[in-house]
Amino acid sequence: MRYNQRATLVINDKRDEHYDYDLGRIVGSEPIKKVVPCHISNQGLQTQTAFTDKLALDAKIIRFKGIYNNIDYVLLQEKKYLIAMTRVINDFEMAIYVNEVLENGH
């Protein structure tokens, strides 16, 4: 399998968050954007309906080397995709199943 495509993982590391008494809210922890080489394929209809109650506009499977935690969402060609499921294939490979986010956020 060739990892000749690119995906941007938006990772939210909550370790740096703290409560700011002056602002009255939790601050810190800017999301980290990491571009990774990957293999992107479309989800089949059976897989799509297994993870969601409706057919998504665009659903993909993204496979890449490395294990990442706390991924908020994925950017593919400047389109936002939410994670439906993650799967660790082995000690150094991971697959995530994503669905495209529409303009109204659903």
C-alpha atoms as a PDB file:
ATOM      1  CA  MET A   1       0.000   0.000   0.000  1.00  0.00           C
ATOM      2  CA  ARG A   2       1.409   3.367  -1.003  1.00  0.00           C
ATOM      3  CA  TYR A   3       1.233   6.333   1.338  1.00  0.00           C
ATOM      4  CA  ASN A   4       1.383   8.929  -1.438  1.00  0.00           C
ATOM      5  CA  GLN A   5      -1.527  11.153  -0.320  1.00  0.00           C
ATOM      6  CA  ARG A   6      -1.578  13.738   2.494  1.00  0.00           C
ATOM      7  CA  ALA A   7      -3.993  14.390   5.350  1.00  0.00           C
ATOM      8  CA  THR A   8      -3.858  17.057   8.048  1.00  0.00           C
ATOM      9  CA  LEU A   9      -4.600  15.718  11.519  1.00  0.00           C
ATOM     10  CA  VAL A  10      -5.869  18.353  13.961  1.00  0.00           C
ATOM     11  CA  ILE A  11      -4.791  17.169  17.400  1.00  0.00           C
ATOM     12  CA  ASN A  12      -6.012  18.786  20.608  1.00  0.00           C
ATOM     13  CA  ASP A  13      -3.566  18.175  23.428  1.00  0.00           C
ATOM     14  CA  LYS A  14      -5.406  19.091  26.636  1.00  0.00           C
ATOM     15  CA  ARG A  15      -2.349  18.890  28.894  1.00  0.00           C
ATOM     16  CA  ASP A  16      -1.639  22.628  28.585  1.00  0.00           C
ATOM     17  CA  GLU A  17      -5.173  23.736  29.482  1.00  0.00           C
ATOM     18  CA  HIS A  18      -5.678  25.692  32.686  1.00  0.00           C
ATOM     19  CA  TYR A  19      -8.317  27.896  34.233  1.00  0.00           C
ATOM     20  CA  ASP A  20      -7.693  31.649  33.826  1.00  0.00           C
ATOM     21  CA  TYR A  21      -9.266  33.484  36.764  1.00  0.00           C
ATOM     22  CA  ASP A  22      -9.122  36.858  34.967  1.00  0.00           C
ATOM     23  CA  LEU A  23     -11.007  35.601  31.913  1.00  0.00           C
ATOM     24  CA  GLY A  24     -13.212  33.209  33.855  1.00  0.00           C
ATOM     25  CA  ARG A  25     -12.706  30.278  31.474  1.00  0.00           C
ATOM     26  CA  ILE A  26     -10.309  27.510  30.487  1.00  0.00           C
ATOM     27  CA  VAL A  27      -7.511  28.700  28.173  1.00  0.00           C
ATOM     28  CA  GLY A  28      -4.483  27.239  26.439  1.00  0.00           C
ATOM     29  CA  SER A  29      -3.960  24.172  24.353  1.00  0.00           C
ATOM     30  CA  GLU A  30      -3.995  25.429  20.776  1.00  0.00           C
ATOM     31  CA  PRO A  31      -4.757  22.610  18.337  1.00  0.00           C
ATOM     32  CA  ILE A  32      -1.745  21.118  16.575  1.00  0.00           C
ATOM     33  CA  LYS A  33      -1.969  20.515  12.814  1.00  0.00           C
ATOM     34  CA  LYS A  34       0.183  17.634  11.618  1.00  0.00           C
ATOM     35  CA  VAL A  35       0.435  16.671   7.936  1.00  0.00           C
ATOM     36  CA  VAL A  36       0.965  12.930   7.504  1.00  0.00           C
ATOM     37  CA  PRO A  37       1.485  10.723   4.436  1.00  0.00           C
ATOM     38  CA  CYS A  38      -1.445   8.351   4.111  1.00  0.00           C
ATOM     39  CA  HIS A  39      -3.532   6.092   1.911  1.00  0.00           C
ATOM     40  CA  ILE A  40      -7.112   7.319   1.407  1.00  0.00           C
ATOM     41  CA  SER A  41      -9.949   5.118   0.148  1.00  0.00           C
ATOM     42  CA  ASN A  42     -13.730   5.377   0.059  1.00  0.00           C
ATOM     43  CA  GLN A  43     -15.895   3.505   2.537  1.00  0.00           C
ATOM     44  CA  GLY A  44     -18.263   0.875   1.220  1.00  0.00           C
ATOM     45  CA  LEU A  45     -22.003   1.213   1.783  1.00  0.00           C
ATOM     46  CA  GLN A  46     -22.056  -1.540   4.416  1.00  0.00           C
ATOM     47  CA  THR A  47     -19.271   0.126   6.403  1.00  0.00           C
ATOM     48  CA  GLN A  48     -20.910   3.556   6.104  1.00  0.00           C
ATOM     49  CA  THR A  49     -24.270   2.387   7.414  1.00  0.00           C
ATOM     50  CA  ALA A  50     -22.614   0.414  10.233  1.00  0.00           C
ATOM     51  CA  PHE A  51     -21.052   3.553  11.742  1.00  0.00           C
ATOM     52  CA  THR A  52     -23.790   6.121  11.093  1.00  0.00           C
ATOM     53  CA  ASP A  53     -27.577   6.076  10.857  1.00  0.00           C
ATOM     54  CA  LYS A  54     -27.518   7.798   7.463  1.00  0.00           C
ATOM     55  CA  LEU A  55     -25.343   7.830   4.395  1.00  0.00           C
ATOM     56  CA  ALA A  56     -22.755  10.564   4.661  1.00  0.00           C
ATOM     57  CA  LEU A  57     -22.009  12.945   1.828  1.00  0.00           C
ATOM     58  CA  ASP A  58     -18.417  11.729   1.670  1.00  0.00           C
ATOM     59  CA  ALA A  59     -16.981   8.968   3.850  1.00  0.00           C
ATOM     60  CA  LYS A  60     -13.390   7.770   3.691  1.00  0.00           C
ATOM     61  CA  ILE A  61     -10.900   5.426   5.330  1.00  0.00           C
ATOM     62  CA  ILE A  62      -7.501   6.976   6.034  1.00  0.00           C
ATOM     63  CA  ARG A  63      -4.574   4.647   6.771  1.00  0.00           C
ATOM     64  CA  PHE A  64      -1.226   5.997   7.957  1.00  0.00           C
ATOM     65  CA  LYS A  65       1.890   5.030   9.861  1.00  0.00           C
ATOM     66  CA  GLY A  66       2.106   6.188  13.457  1.00  0.00           C
ATOM     67  CA  ILE A  67      -0.272   6.129  16.395  1.00  0.00           C
ATOM     68  CA  TYR A  68      -1.902   9.464  17.283  1.00  0.00           C
ATOM     69  CA  ASN A  69      -4.221  10.187  20.205  1.00  0.00           C
ATOM     70  CA  ASN A  70      -6.685  13.052  20.738  1.00  0.00           C
ATOM     71  CA  ILE A  71      -7.417  13.670  17.035  1.00  0.00           C
ATOM     72  CA  ASP A  72     -10.307  16.152  16.859  1.00  0.00           C
ATOM     73  CA  TYR A  73     -10.866  16.084  13.099  1.00  0.00           C
ATOM     74  CA  VAL A  74      -9.075  15.608   9.783  1.00  0.00           C
ATOM     75  CA  LEU A  75      -8.615  18.032   6.886  1.00  0.00           C
ATOM     76  CA  LEU A  76      -8.512  16.565   3.372  1.00  0.00           C
ATOM     77  CA  GLN A  77      -8.067  19.149   0.604  1.00  0.00           C
ATOM     78  CA  GLU A  78      -9.350  21.863   3.006  1.00  0.00           C
ATOM     79  CA  LYS A  79     -12.549  19.880   3.745  1.00  0.00           C
ATOM     80  CA  LYS A  80     -13.301  18.997   7.356  1.00  0.00           C
ATOM     81  CA  TYR A  81     -13.976  15.349   8.242  1.00  0.00           C
ATOM     82  CA  LEU A  82     -15.109  14.094  11.654  1.00  0.00           C
ATOM     83  CA  ILE A  83     -13.883  10.774  12.982  1.00  0.00           C
ATOM     84  CA  ALA A  84     -16.456   7.973  13.175  1.00  0.00           C
ATOM     85  CA  MET A  85     -14.047   5.265  14.369  1.00  0.00           C
ATOM     86  CA  THR A  86     -10.328   4.661  14.862  1.00  0.00           C
ATOM     87  CA  ARG A  87      -8.559   1.338  14.509  1.00  0.00           C
ATOM     88  CA  VAL A  88      -4.991   0.462  15.426  1.00  0.00           C
ATOM     89  CA  ILE A  89      -3.799  -2.043  12.832  1.00  0.00           C
ATOM     90  CA  ASN A  90      -0.511  -2.967  14.531  1.00  0.00           C
ATOM     91  CA  ASP A  91       2.183  -1.281  16.633  1.00  0.00           C
ATOM     92  CA  PHE A  92       2.950   1.350  14.006  1.00  0.00           C
ATOM     93  CA  GLU A  93      -0.100   1.690  11.729  1.00  0.00           C
ATOM     94  CA  MET A  94      -3.530   3.218  12.266  1.00  0.00           C
ATOM     95  CA  ALA A  95      -6.764   3.566  10.269  1.00  0.00           C
ATOM     96  CA  ILE A  96      -9.477   6.152  10.884  1.00  0.00           C
ATOM     97  CA  TYR A  97     -12.965   6.147   9.407  1.00  0.00           C
ATOM     98  CA  VAL A  98     -14.150   9.701   8.713  1.00  0.00           C
ATOM     99  CA  ASN A  99     -17.303  11.442   7.482  1.00  0.00           C
ATOM    100  CA  GLU A 100     -17.385  14.835   5.800  1.00  0.00           C
ATOM    101  CA  VAL A 101     -18.857  17.748   7.760  1.00  0.00           C
ATOM    102  CA  LEU A 102     -21.467  19.702   5.827  1.00  0.00           C
ATOM    103  CA  GLU A 103     -21.680  23.499   5.808  1.00  0.00           C
ATOM    104  CA  ASN A 104     -24.341  23.554   8.552  1.00  0.00           C
ATOM    105  CA  GLY A 105     -22.197  21.358  10.811  1.00  0.00           C
ATOM    106  CA  HIS A 106     -24.072  18.035  10.462  1.00  0.00           C
END
